Amino acid sequence: MEKKSWAVKSNTFGREYQISGSDIKDAILSNFETISKHAKIPGTAKVNKVTVVFQPMILKSQGGVELTVDYSSTGRSEQAVVWVHASPNDMPDGPLNLSDAFK
């Protein structure tokens, strides 16, 4: 299957970077270690919930995917948010809950 690429932006990492995969879900899961590093999620953190939702007004109103990671680190619950330049067509089935991939 052909791979596609998406640009990713995090409020904790100044530059955009690319992720790729067969679809948006594959790209996020295949590149989760890189995404976590740039979002400053500790490697020892326990991922509790991962959701992916298309938001039409993010990224200077261009629209994109908002990836929210709820995790526990040092006994505290924390959250990281990352934005992916994407179109509604990249998420034909609506919001994704990727939490099962981290159990």
PDB file of N, CA and C in Angstrom:
ATOM      1  N   MET A   1       0.838  -1.177   0.000  1.00  0.00           N
ATOM      2  CA  MET A   1       0.000   0.000   0.000  1.00  0.00           C
ATOM      3  C   MET A   1       0.889   1.248   0.000  1.00  0.00           C
ATOM      4  N   GLU A   2       0.471   2.257  -0.707  1.00  0.00           N
ATOM      5  CA  GLU A   2       1.223   3.503  -0.813  1.00  0.00           C
ATOM      6  C   GLU A   2       1.193   4.267   0.508  1.00  0.00           C
ATOM      7  N   LYS A   3       2.365   4.806   0.877  1.00  0.00           N
ATOM      8  CA  LYS A   3       2.436   5.607   2.103  1.00  0.00           C
ATOM      9  C   LYS A   3       2.179   7.068   1.787  1.00  0.00           C
ATOM     10  N   LYS A   4       1.525   7.738   2.731  1.00  0.00           N
ATOM     11  CA  LYS A   4       1.276   9.172   2.640  1.00  0.00           C
ATOM     12  C   LYS A   4       2.026   9.850   3.778  1.00  0.00           C
ATOM     13  N   SER A   5       2.245  11.148   3.642  1.00  0.00           N
ATOM     14  CA  SER A   5       2.940  11.906   4.685  1.00  0.00           C
ATOM     15  C   SER A   5       2.067  13.040   5.192  1.00  0.00           C
ATOM     16  N   TRP A   6       2.251  13.360   6.476  1.00  0.00           N
ATOM     17  CA  TRP A   6       1.547  14.468   7.110  1.00  0.00           C
ATOM     18  C   TRP A   6       2.545  15.278   7.923  1.00  0.00           C
ATOM     19  N   ALA A   7       2.346  16.589   7.967  1.00  0.00           N
ATOM     20  CA  ALA A   7       3.173  17.464   8.800  1.00  0.00           C
ATOM     21  C   ALA A   7       2.561  17.538  10.193  1.00  0.00           C
ATOM     22  N   VAL A   8       3.420  17.508  11.208  1.00  0.00           N
ATOM     23  CA  VAL A   8       2.984  17.506  12.601  1.00  0.00           C
ATOM     24  C   VAL A   8       3.525  18.743  13.303  1.00  0.00           C
ATOM     25  N   LYS A   9       2.694  19.343  14.149  1.00  0.00           N
ATOM     26  CA  LYS A   9       3.075  20.531  14.915  1.00  0.00           C
ATOM     27  C   LYS A   9       2.727  20.283  16.375  1.00  0.00           C
ATOM     28  N   SER A  10       3.660  20.608  17.259  1.00  0.00           N
ATOM     29  CA  SER A  10       3.443  20.466  18.700  1.00  0.00           C
ATOM     30  C   SER A  10       3.756  21.788  19.370  1.00  0.00           C
ATOM     31  N   ASN A  11       3.027  22.104  20.423  1.00  0.00           N
ATOM     32  CA  ASN A  11       3.317  23.354  21.124  1.00  0.00           C
ATOM     33  C   ASN A  11       4.595  23.273  21.945  1.00  0.00           C
ATOM     34  N   THR A  12       5.177  22.088  22.083  1.00  0.00           N
ATOM     35  CA  THR A  12       6.418  21.941  22.834  1.00  0.00           C
ATOM     36  C   THR A  12       7.636  21.779  21.934  1.00  0.00           C
ATOM     37  N   PHE A  13       7.425  21.725  20.620  1.00  0.00           N
ATOM     38  CA  PHE A  13       8.520  21.547  19.667  1.00  0.00           C
ATOM     39  C   PHE A  13       8.321  22.567  18.564  1.00  0.00           C
ATOM     40  N   GLY A  14       9.243  23.480  18.394  1.00  0.00           N
ATOM     41  CA  GLY A  14       9.071  24.628  17.512  1.00  0.00           C
ATOM     42  C   GLY A  14       8.879  24.337  16.039  1.00  0.00           C
ATOM     43  N   ARG A  15       9.527  23.314  15.521  1.00  0.00           N
ATOM     44  CA  ARG A  15       9.462  23.042  14.083  1.00  0.00           C
ATOM     45  C   ARG A  15       8.432  21.962  13.771  1.00  0.00           C
ATOM     46  N   GLU A  16       7.933  22.011  12.548  1.00  0.00           N
ATOM     47  CA  GLU A  16       7.080  20.919  12.079  1.00  0.00           C
ATOM     48  C   GLU A  16       7.973  19.761  11.658  1.00  0.00           C
ATOM     49  N   TYR A  17       7.437  18.574  11.713  1.00  0.00           N
ATOM     50  CA  TYR A  17       8.143  17.393  11.237  1.00  0.00           C
ATOM     51  C   TYR A  17       7.139  16.498  10.533  1.00  0.00           C
ATOM     52  N   GLN A  18       7.621  15.515   9.794  1.00  0.00           N
ATOM     53  CA  GLN A  18       6.776  14.655   8.974  1.00  0.00           C
ATOM     54  C   GLN A  18       6.597  13.285   9.614  1.00  0.00           C
ATOM     55  N   ILE A  19       5.388  12.753   9.470  1.00  0.00           N
ATOM     56  CA  ILE A  19       5.127  11.351   9.781  1.00  0.00           C
ATOM     57  C   ILE A  19       4.509  10.745   8.533  1.00  0.00           C
ATOM     58  N   SER A  20       4.657   9.436   8.373  1.00  0.00           N
ATOM     59  CA  SER A  20       4.063   8.801   7.200  1.00  0.00           C
ATOM     60  C   SER A  20       3.502   7.439   7.576  1.00  0.00           C
ATOM     61  N   GLY A  21       2.557   6.998   6.761  1.00  0.00           N
ATOM     62  CA  GLY A  21       1.920   5.710   6.970  1.00  0.00           C
ATOM     63  C   GLY A  21       0.914   5.446   5.873  1.00  0.00           C
ATOM     64  N   SER A  22       0.281   4.288   5.917  1.00  0.00           N
ATOM     65  CA  SER A  22      -0.704   3.938   4.896  1.00  0.00           C
ATOM     66  C   SER A  22      -1.977   4.767   5.052  1.00  0.00           C
ATOM     67  N   ASP A  23      -2.272   5.204   6.288  1.00  0.00           N
ATOM     68  CA  ASP A  23      -3.383   6.116   6.570  1.00  0.00           C
ATOM     69  C   ASP A  23      -3.022   6.888   7.834  1.00  0.00           C
ATOM     70  N   ILE A  24      -3.881   7.786   8.264  1.00  0.00           N
ATOM     71  CA  ILE A  24      -3.550   8.639   9.411  1.00  0.00           C
ATOM     72  C   ILE A  24      -3.354   7.818  10.687  1.00  0.00           C
ATOM     73  N   LYS A  25      -4.158   6.780  10.877  1.00  0.00           N
ATOM     74  CA  LYS A  25      -4.026   5.923  12.059  1.00  0.00           C
ATOM     75  C   LYS A  25      -2.677   5.210  12.052  1.00  0.00           C
ATOM     76  N   ASP A  26      -2.308   4.622  10.927  1.00  0.00           N
ATOM     77  CA  ASP A  26      -1.024   3.934  10.805  1.00  0.00           C
ATOM     78  C   ASP A  26       0.135   4.907  11.019  1.00  0.00           C
ATOM     79  N   ALA A  27       0.019   6.109  10.470  1.00  0.00           N
ATOM     80  CA  ALA A  27       1.088   7.105  10.621  1.00  0.00           C
ATOM     81  C   ALA A  27       1.281   7.479  12.086  1.00  0.00           C
ATOM     82  N   ILE A  28       0.197   7.674  12.810  1.00  0.00           N
ATOM     83  CA  ILE A  28       0.292   8.036  14.229  1.00  0.00           C
ATOM     84  C   ILE A  28       0.872   6.882  15.042  1.00  0.00           C
ATOM     85  N   LEU A  29       0.358   5.680  14.840  1.00  0.00           N
ATOM     86  CA  LEU A  29       0.841   4.540  15.614  1.00  0.00           C
ATOM     87  C   LEU A  29       2.288   4.195  15.269  1.00  0.00           C
ATOM     88  N   SER A  30       2.649   4.238  13.987  1.00  0.00           N
ATOM     89  CA  SER A  30       4.009   3.907  13.560  1.00  0.00           C
ATOM     90  C   SER A  30       5.033   4.925  14.030  1.00  0.00           C
ATOM     91  N   ASN A  31       4.604   6.148  14.225  1.00  0.00           N
ATOM     92  CA  ASN A  31       5.516   7.230  14.602  1.00  0.00           C
ATOM     93  C   ASN A  31       5.259   7.740  16.016  1.00  0.00           C
ATOM     94  N   PHE A  32       4.580   6.948  16.836  1.00  0.00           N
ATOM     95  CA  PHE A  32       4.196   7.428  18.164  1.00  0.00           C
ATOM     96  C   PHE A  32       5.406   7.750  19.043  1.00  0.00           C
ATOM     97  N   GLU A  33       6.474   6.995  18.897  1.00  0.00           N
ATOM     98  CA  GLU A  33       7.680   7.278  19.684  1.00  0.00           C
ATOM     99  C   GLU A  33       8.232   8.666  19.344  1.00  0.00           C
ATOM    100  N   THR A  34       8.286   8.999  18.067  1.00  0.00           N
ATOM    101  CA  THR A  34       8.749  10.323  17.635  1.00  0.00           C
ATOM    102  C   THR A  34       7.796  11.409  18.112  1.00  0.00           C
ATOM    103  N   ILE A  35       6.502  11.182  17.947  1.00  0.00           N
ATOM    104  CA  ILE A  35       5.496  12.154  18.394  1.00  0.00           C
ATOM    105  C   ILE A  35       5.637  12.384  19.897  1.00  0.00           C
ATOM    106  N   SER A  36       5.785  11.305  20.661  1.00  0.00           N
ATOM    107  CA  SER A  36       5.921  11.413  22.117  1.00  0.00           C
ATOM    108  C   SER A  36       7.158  12.206  22.506  1.00  0.00           C
ATOM    109  N   LYS A  37       8.251  11.946  21.804  1.00  0.00           N
ATOM    110  CA  LYS A  37       9.500  12.653  22.108  1.00  0.00           C
ATOM    111  C   LYS A  37       9.329  14.155  21.899  1.00  0.00           C
ATOM    112  N   HIS A  38       8.749  14.538  20.780  1.00  0.00           N
ATOM    113  CA  HIS A  38       8.568  15.958  20.483  1.00  0.00           C
ATOM    114  C   HIS A  38       7.516  16.604  21.387  1.00  0.00           C
ATOM    115  N   ALA A  39       6.556  15.823  21.865  1.00  0.00           N
ATOM    116  CA  ALA A  39       5.531  16.344  22.775  1.00  0.00           C
ATOM    117  C   ALA A  39       6.007  16.305  24.231  1.00  0.00           C
ATOM    118  N   LYS A  40       7.242  15.844  24.417  1.00  0.00           N
ATOM    119  CA  LYS A  40       7.866  15.771  25.748  1.00  0.00           C
ATOM    120  C   LYS A  40       7.109  14.849  26.715  1.00  0.00           C
ATOM    121  N   ILE A  41       6.612  13.732  26.172  1.00  0.00           N
ATOM    122  CA  ILE A  41       6.004  12.696  27.008  1.00  0.00           C
ATOM    123  C   ILE A  41       7.137  11.780  27.457  1.00  0.00           C
ATOM    124  N   PRO A  42       7.357  11.616  28.761  1.00  0.00           N
ATOM    125  CA  PRO A  42       8.468  10.783  29.239  1.00  0.00           C
ATOM    126  C   PRO A  42       8.348   9.343  28.742  1.00  0.00           C
ATOM    127  N   GLY A  43       9.480   8.739  28.442  1.00  0.00           N
ATOM    128  CA  GLY A  43       9.498   7.358  27.968  1.00  0.00           C
ATOM    129  C   GLY A  43       8.944   6.369  28.969  1.00  0.00           C
ATOM    130  N   THR A  44       8.945   6.743  30.239  1.00  0.00           N
ATOM    131  CA  THR A  44       8.438   5.856  31.291  1.00  0.00           C
ATOM    132  C   THR A  44       6.954   6.081  31.575  1.00  0.00           C
ATOM    133  N   ALA A  45       6.334   7.003  30.870  1.00  0.00           N
ATOM    134  CA  ALA A  45       4.925   7.335  31.116  1.00  0.00           C
ATOM    135  C   ALA A  45       4.014   6.181  30.705  1.00  0.00           C
ATOM    136  N   LYS A  46       2.901   6.058  31.418  1.00  0.00           N
ATOM    137  CA  LYS A  46       1.861   5.089  31.063  1.00  0.00           C
ATOM    138  C   LYS A  46       0.792   5.839  30.279  1.00  0.00           C
ATOM    139  N   VAL A  47       0.573   5.415  29.041  1.00  0.00           N
ATOM    140  CA  VAL A  47      -0.443   6.046  28.199  1.00  0.00           C
ATOM    141  C   VAL A  47      -1.809   5.527  28.625  1.00  0.00           C
ATOM    142  N   ASN A  48      -2.712   6.445  28.973  1.00  0.00           N
ATOM    143  CA  ASN A  48      -4.050   6.074  29.430  1.00  0.00           C
ATOM    144  C   ASN A  48      -5.088   6.159  28.321  1.00  0.00           C
ATOM    145  N   LYS A  49      -4.988   7.185  27.483  1.00  0.00           N
ATOM    146  CA  LYS A  49      -5.996   7.392  26.447  1.00  0.00           C
ATOM    147  C   LYS A  49      -5.380   8.193  25.303  1.00  0.00           C
ATOM    148  N   VAL A  50      -5.690   7.790  24.080  1.00  0.00           N
ATOM    149  CA  VAL A  50      -5.228   8.503  22.891  1.00  0.00           C
ATOM    150  C   VAL A  50      -6.432   8.716  21.984  1.00  0.00           C
ATOM    151  N   THR A  51      -6.758   9.971  21.708  1.00  0.00           N
ATOM    152  CA  THR A  51      -7.878  10.270  20.817  1.00  0.00           C
ATOM    153  C   THR A  51      -7.401  11.140  19.664  1.00  0.00           C
ATOM    154  N   VAL A  52      -8.044  10.960  18.532  1.00  0.00           N
ATOM    155  CA  VAL A  52      -7.716  11.690  17.312  1.00  0.00           C
ATOM    156  C   VAL A  52      -9.025  12.223  16.740  1.00  0.00           C
ATOM    157  N   VAL A  53      -9.121  13.554  16.615  1.00  0.00           N
ATOM    158  CA  VAL A  53     -10.356  14.194  16.153  1.00  0.00           C
ATOM    159  C   VAL A  53     -10.007  15.258  15.125  1.00  0.00           C
ATOM    160  N   PHE A  54     -10.771  15.328  14.033  1.00  0.00           N
ATOM    161  CA  PHE A  54     -10.570  16.412  13.073  1.00  0.00           C
ATOM    162  C   PHE A  54     -11.150  17.697  13.649  1.00  0.00           C
ATOM    163  N   GLN A  55     -10.362  18.763  13.602  1.00  0.00           N
ATOM    164  CA  GLN A  55     -10.786  20.077  14.093  1.00  0.00           C
ATOM    165  C   GLN A  55     -10.640  21.078  12.945  1.00  0.00           C
ATOM    166  N   PRO A  56     -11.734  21.623  12.427  1.00  0.00           N
ATOM    167  CA  PRO A  56     -11.654  22.487  11.244  1.00  0.00           C
ATOM    168  C   PRO A  56     -10.984  23.834  11.471  1.00  0.00           C
ATOM    169  N   MET A  57     -10.873  24.307  12.707  1.00  0.00           N
ATOM    170  CA  MET A  57     -10.355  25.662  12.932  1.00  0.00           C
ATOM    171  C   MET A  57      -8.930  25.710  13.492  1.00  0.00           C
ATOM    172  N   ILE A  58      -8.241  24.584  13.612  1.00  0.00           N
ATOM    173  CA  ILE A  58      -6.869  24.625  14.121  1.00  0.00           C
ATOM    174  C   ILE A  58      -5.891  24.891  12.988  1.00  0.00           C
ATOM    175  N   LEU A  59      -4.643  25.090  13.337  1.00  0.00           N
ATOM    176  CA  LEU A  59      -3.571  25.322  12.366  1.00  0.00           C
ATOM    177  C   LEU A  59      -3.902  26.486  11.445  1.00  0.00           C
ATOM    178  N   LYS A  60      -4.119  27.635  12.062  1.00  0.00           N
ATOM    179  CA  LYS A  60      -4.433  28.882  11.344  1.00  0.00           C
ATOM    180  C   LYS A  60      -5.658  28.720  10.452  1.00  0.00           C
ATOM    181  N   SER A  61      -6.666  28.051  10.970  1.00  0.00           N
ATOM    182  CA  SER A  61      -7.955  27.811  10.303  1.00  0.00           C
ATOM    183  C   SER A  61      -7.847  26.968   9.040  1.00  0.00           C
ATOM    184  N   GLN A  62      -6.719  26.268   8.862  1.00  0.00           N
ATOM    185  CA  GLN A  62      -6.580  25.345   7.729  1.00  0.00           C
ATOM    186  C   GLN A  62      -7.240  24.010   8.042  1.00  0.00           C
ATOM    187  N   GLY A  63      -7.416  23.748   9.310  1.00  0.00           N
ATOM    188  CA  GLY A  63      -7.990  22.477   9.730  1.00  0.00           C
ATOM    189  C   GLY A  63      -6.924  21.411   9.859  1.00  0.00           C
ATOM    190  N   GLY A  64      -7.212  20.438  10.683  1.00  0.00           N
ATOM    191  CA  GLY A  64      -6.281  19.340  10.875  1.00  0.00           C
ATOM    192  C   GLY A  64      -6.770  18.405  11.952  1.00  0.00           C
ATOM    193  N   VAL A  65      -5.929  17.463  12.276  1.00  0.00           N
ATOM    194  CA  VAL A  65      -6.242  16.450  13.267  1.00  0.00           C
ATOM    195  C   VAL A  65      -5.606  16.849  14.592  1.00  0.00           C
ATOM    196  N   GLU A  66      -6.404  16.790  15.648  1.00  0.00           N
ATOM    197  CA  GLU A  66      -5.889  17.039  16.993  1.00  0.00           C
ATOM    198  C   GLU A  66      -5.699  15.692  17.676  1.00  0.00           C
ATOM    199  N   LEU A  67      -4.471  15.395  18.036  1.00  0.00           N
ATOM    200  CA  LEU A  67      -4.107  14.156  18.712  1.00  0.00           C
ATOM    201  C   LEU A  67      -3.898  14.487  20.185  1.00  0.00           C
ATOM    202  N   THR A  68      -4.721  13.909  21.052  1.00  0.00           N
ATOM    203  CA  THR A  68      -4.632  14.162  22.487  1.00  0.00           C
ATOM    204  C   THR A  68      -4.188  12.882  23.185  1.00  0.00           C
ATOM    205  N   VAL A  69      -3.132  12.994  23.986  1.00  0.00           N
ATOM    206  CA  VAL A  69      -2.600  11.849  24.721  1.00  0.00           C
ATOM    207  C   VAL A  69      -2.723  12.138  26.214  1.00  0.00           C
ATOM    208  N   ASP A  70      -3.535  11.345  26.899  1.00  0.00           N
ATOM    209  CA  ASP A  70      -3.621  11.407  28.358  1.00  0.00           C
ATOM    210  C   ASP A  70      -2.673  10.341  28.895  1.00  0.00           C
ATOM    211  N   TYR A  71      -1.775  10.742  29.784  1.00  0.00           N
ATOM    212  CA  TYR A  71      -0.793   9.799  30.301  1.00  0.00           C
ATOM    213  C   TYR A  71      -0.505  10.074  31.769  1.00  0.00           C
ATOM    214  N   SER A  72       0.091   9.078  32.429  1.00  0.00           N
ATOM    215  CA  SER A  72       0.488   9.213  33.832  1.00  0.00           C
ATOM    216  C   SER A  72       2.004   9.168  33.905  1.00  0.00           C
ATOM    217  N   SER A  73       2.549  10.114  34.640  1.00  0.00           N
ATOM    218  CA  SER A  73       3.990  10.176  34.830  1.00  0.00           C
ATOM    219  C   SER A  73       4.255  10.630  36.257  1.00  0.00           C
ATOM    220  N   THR A  74       5.099   9.926  36.937  1.00  0.00           N
ATOM    221  CA  THR A  74       5.432  10.221  38.338  1.00  0.00           C
ATOM    222  C   THR A  74       4.183  10.407  39.197  1.00  0.00           C
ATOM    223  N   GLY A  75       3.181   9.559  38.970  1.00  0.00           N
ATOM    224  CA  GLY A  75       1.979   9.589  39.786  1.00  0.00           C
ATOM    225  C   GLY A  75       0.976  10.668  39.443  1.00  0.00           C
ATOM    226  N   ARG A  76       1.267  11.496  38.456  1.00  0.00           N
ATOM    227  CA  ARG A  76       0.349  12.579  38.068  1.00  0.00           C
ATOM    228  C   ARG A  76      -0.237  12.291  36.690  1.00  0.00           C
ATOM    229  N   SER A  77      -1.495  12.665  36.513  1.00  0.00           N
ATOM    230  CA  SER A  77      -2.117  12.578  35.194  1.00  0.00           C
ATOM    231  C   SER A  77      -1.771  13.843  34.422  1.00  0.00           C
ATOM    232  N   GLU A  78      -1.357  13.666  33.173  1.00  0.00           N
ATOM    233  CA  GLU A  78      -0.989  14.791  32.327  1.00  0.00           C
ATOM    234  C   GLU A  78      -1.582  14.587  30.945  1.00  0.00           C
ATOM    235  N   GLN A  79      -1.494  15.630  30.130  1.00  0.00           N
ATOM    236  CA  GLN A  79      -2.051  15.568  28.782  1.00  0.00           C
ATOM    237  C   GLN A  79      -1.120  16.293  27.816  1.00  0.00           C
ATOM    238  N   ALA A  80      -0.947  15.709  26.644  1.00  0.00           N
ATOM    239  CA  ALA A  80      -0.179  16.339  25.571  1.00  0.00           C
ATOM    240  C   ALA A  80      -1.089  16.442  24.354  1.00  0.00           C
ATOM    241  N   VAL A  81      -0.968  17.545  23.624  1.00  0.00           N
ATOM    242  CA  VAL A  81      -1.770  17.749  22.419  1.00  0.00           C
ATOM    243  C   VAL A  81      -0.828  18.037  21.256  1.00  0.00           C
ATOM    244  N   VAL A  82      -1.076  17.363  20.144  1.00  0.00           N
ATOM    245  CA  VAL A  82      -0.282  17.521  18.929  1.00  0.00           C
ATOM    246  C   VAL A  82      -1.250  17.732  17.779  1.00  0.00           C
ATOM    247  N   TRP A  83      -0.866  18.563  16.810  1.00  0.00           N
ATOM    248  CA  TRP A  83      -1.722  18.836  15.660  1.00  0.00           C
ATOM    249  C   TRP A  83      -1.078  18.309  14.395  1.00  0.00           C
ATOM    250  N   VAL A  84      -1.882  17.685  13.552  1.00  0.00           N
ATOM    251  CA  VAL A  84      -1.413  17.113  12.296  1.00  0.00           C
ATOM    252  C   VAL A  84      -2.153  17.798  11.158  1.00  0.00           C
ATOM    253  N   HIS A  85      -1.402  18.343  10.194  1.00  0.00           N
ATOM    254  CA  HIS A  85      -2.028  18.936   9.011  1.00  0.00           C
ATOM    255  C   HIS A  85      -2.717  17.807   8.246  1.00  0.00           C
ATOM    256  N   ALA A  86      -4.035  17.863   8.162  1.00  0.00           N
ATOM    257  CA  ALA A  86      -4.803  16.799   7.516  1.00  0.00           C
ATOM    258  C   ALA A  86      -6.126  17.369   7.029  1.00  0.00           C
ATOM    259  N   SER A  87      -6.809  16.590   6.221  1.00  0.00           N
ATOM    260  CA  SER A  87      -8.125  16.994   5.724  1.00  0.00           C
ATOM    261  C   SER A  87      -9.179  16.062   6.318  1.00  0.00           C
ATOM    262  N   PRO A  88     -10.451  16.444   6.224  1.00  0.00           N
ATOM    263  CA  PRO A  88     -11.503  15.543   6.720  1.00  0.00           C
ATOM    264  C   PRO A  88     -11.463  14.180   6.025  1.00  0.00           C
ATOM    265  N   ASN A  89     -10.981  14.143   4.787  1.00  0.00           N
ATOM    266  CA  ASN A  89     -10.896  12.879   4.047  1.00  0.00           C
ATOM    267  C   ASN A  89      -9.887  11.911   4.663  1.00  0.00           C
ATOM    268  N   ASP A  90      -8.949  12.436   5.448  1.00  0.00           N
ATOM    269  CA  ASP A  90      -7.972  11.569   6.105  1.00  0.00           C
ATOM    270  C   ASP A  90      -8.592  10.801   7.267  1.00  0.00           C
ATOM    271  N   MET A  91      -9.785  11.209   7.690  1.00  0.00           N
ATOM    272  CA  MET A  91     -10.492  10.544   8.788  1.00  0.00           C
ATOM    273  C   MET A  91     -11.924  10.222   8.364  1.00  0.00           C
ATOM    274  N   PRO A  92     -12.098   9.345   7.396  1.00  0.00           N
ATOM    275  CA  PRO A  92     -13.440   9.086   6.864  1.00  0.00           C
ATOM    276  C   PRO A  92     -14.408   8.479   7.865  1.00  0.00           C
ATOM    277  N   ASP A  93     -13.892   7.844   8.912  1.00  0.00           N
ATOM    278  CA  ASP A  93     -14.761   7.190   9.891  1.00  0.00           C
ATOM    279  C   ASP A  93     -14.998   8.034  11.135  1.00  0.00           C
ATOM    280  N   GLY A  94     -14.574   9.295  11.108  1.00  0.00           N
ATOM    281  CA  GLY A  94     -14.763  10.166  12.269  1.00  0.00           C
ATOM    282  C   GLY A  94     -13.666  10.001  13.297  1.00  0.00           C
ATOM    283  N   PRO A  95     -13.934  10.440  14.538  1.00  0.00           N
ATOM    284  CA  PRO A  95     -12.912  10.393  15.590  1.00  0.00           C
ATOM    285  C   PRO A  95     -12.386   8.981  15.828  1.00  0.00           C
ATOM    286  N   LEU A  96     -11.099   8.896  16.180  1.00  0.00           N
ATOM    287  CA  LEU A  96     -10.463   7.616  16.473  1.00  0.00           C
ATOM    288  C   LEU A  96     -10.090   7.559  17.947  1.00  0.00           C
ATOM    289  N   ASN A  97     -10.295   6.417  18.552  1.00  0.00           N
ATOM    290  CA  ASN A  97      -9.796   6.163  19.899  1.00  0.00           C
ATOM    291  C   ASN A  97      -8.715   5.102  19.744  1.00  0.00           C
ATOM    292  N   LEU A  98      -7.460   5.490  19.933  1.00  0.00           N
ATOM    293  CA  LEU A  98      -6.341   4.571  19.742  1.00  0.00           C
ATOM    294  C   LEU A  98      -5.847   3.976  21.056  1.00  0.00           C
ATOM    295  N   SER A  99      -6.607   4.137  22.117  1.00  0.00           N
ATOM    296  CA  SER A  99      -6.178   3.704  23.449  1.00  0.00           C
ATOM    297  C   SER A  99      -5.849   2.217  23.513  1.00  0.00           C
ATOM    298  N   ASP A 100      -6.587   1.384  22.791  1.00  0.00           N
ATOM    299  CA  ASP A 100      -6.361  -0.062  22.835  1.00  0.00           C
ATOM    300  C   ASP A 100      -4.963  -0.445  22.359  1.00  0.00           C
ATOM    301  N   ALA A 101      -4.359   0.369  21.513  1.00  0.00           N
ATOM    302  CA  ALA A 101      -3.026   0.070  20.997  1.00  0.00           C
ATOM    303  C   ALA A 101      -1.950   0.189  22.075  1.00  0.00           C
ATOM    304  N   PHE A 102      -2.291   0.762  23.223  1.00  0.00           N
ATOM    305  CA  PHE A 102      -1.301   1.002  24.268  1.00  0.00           C
ATOM    306  C   PHE A 102      -1.552   0.197  25.534  1.00  0.00           C
ATOM    307  N   LYS A 103      -2.408  -0.809  25.449  1.00  0.00           N
ATOM    308  CA  LYS A 103      -2.693  -1.651  26.626  1.00  0.00           C
ATOM    309  C   LYS A 103      -1.747  -2.819  26.681  1.00  0.00           C
TER     310      LYS A 103
END
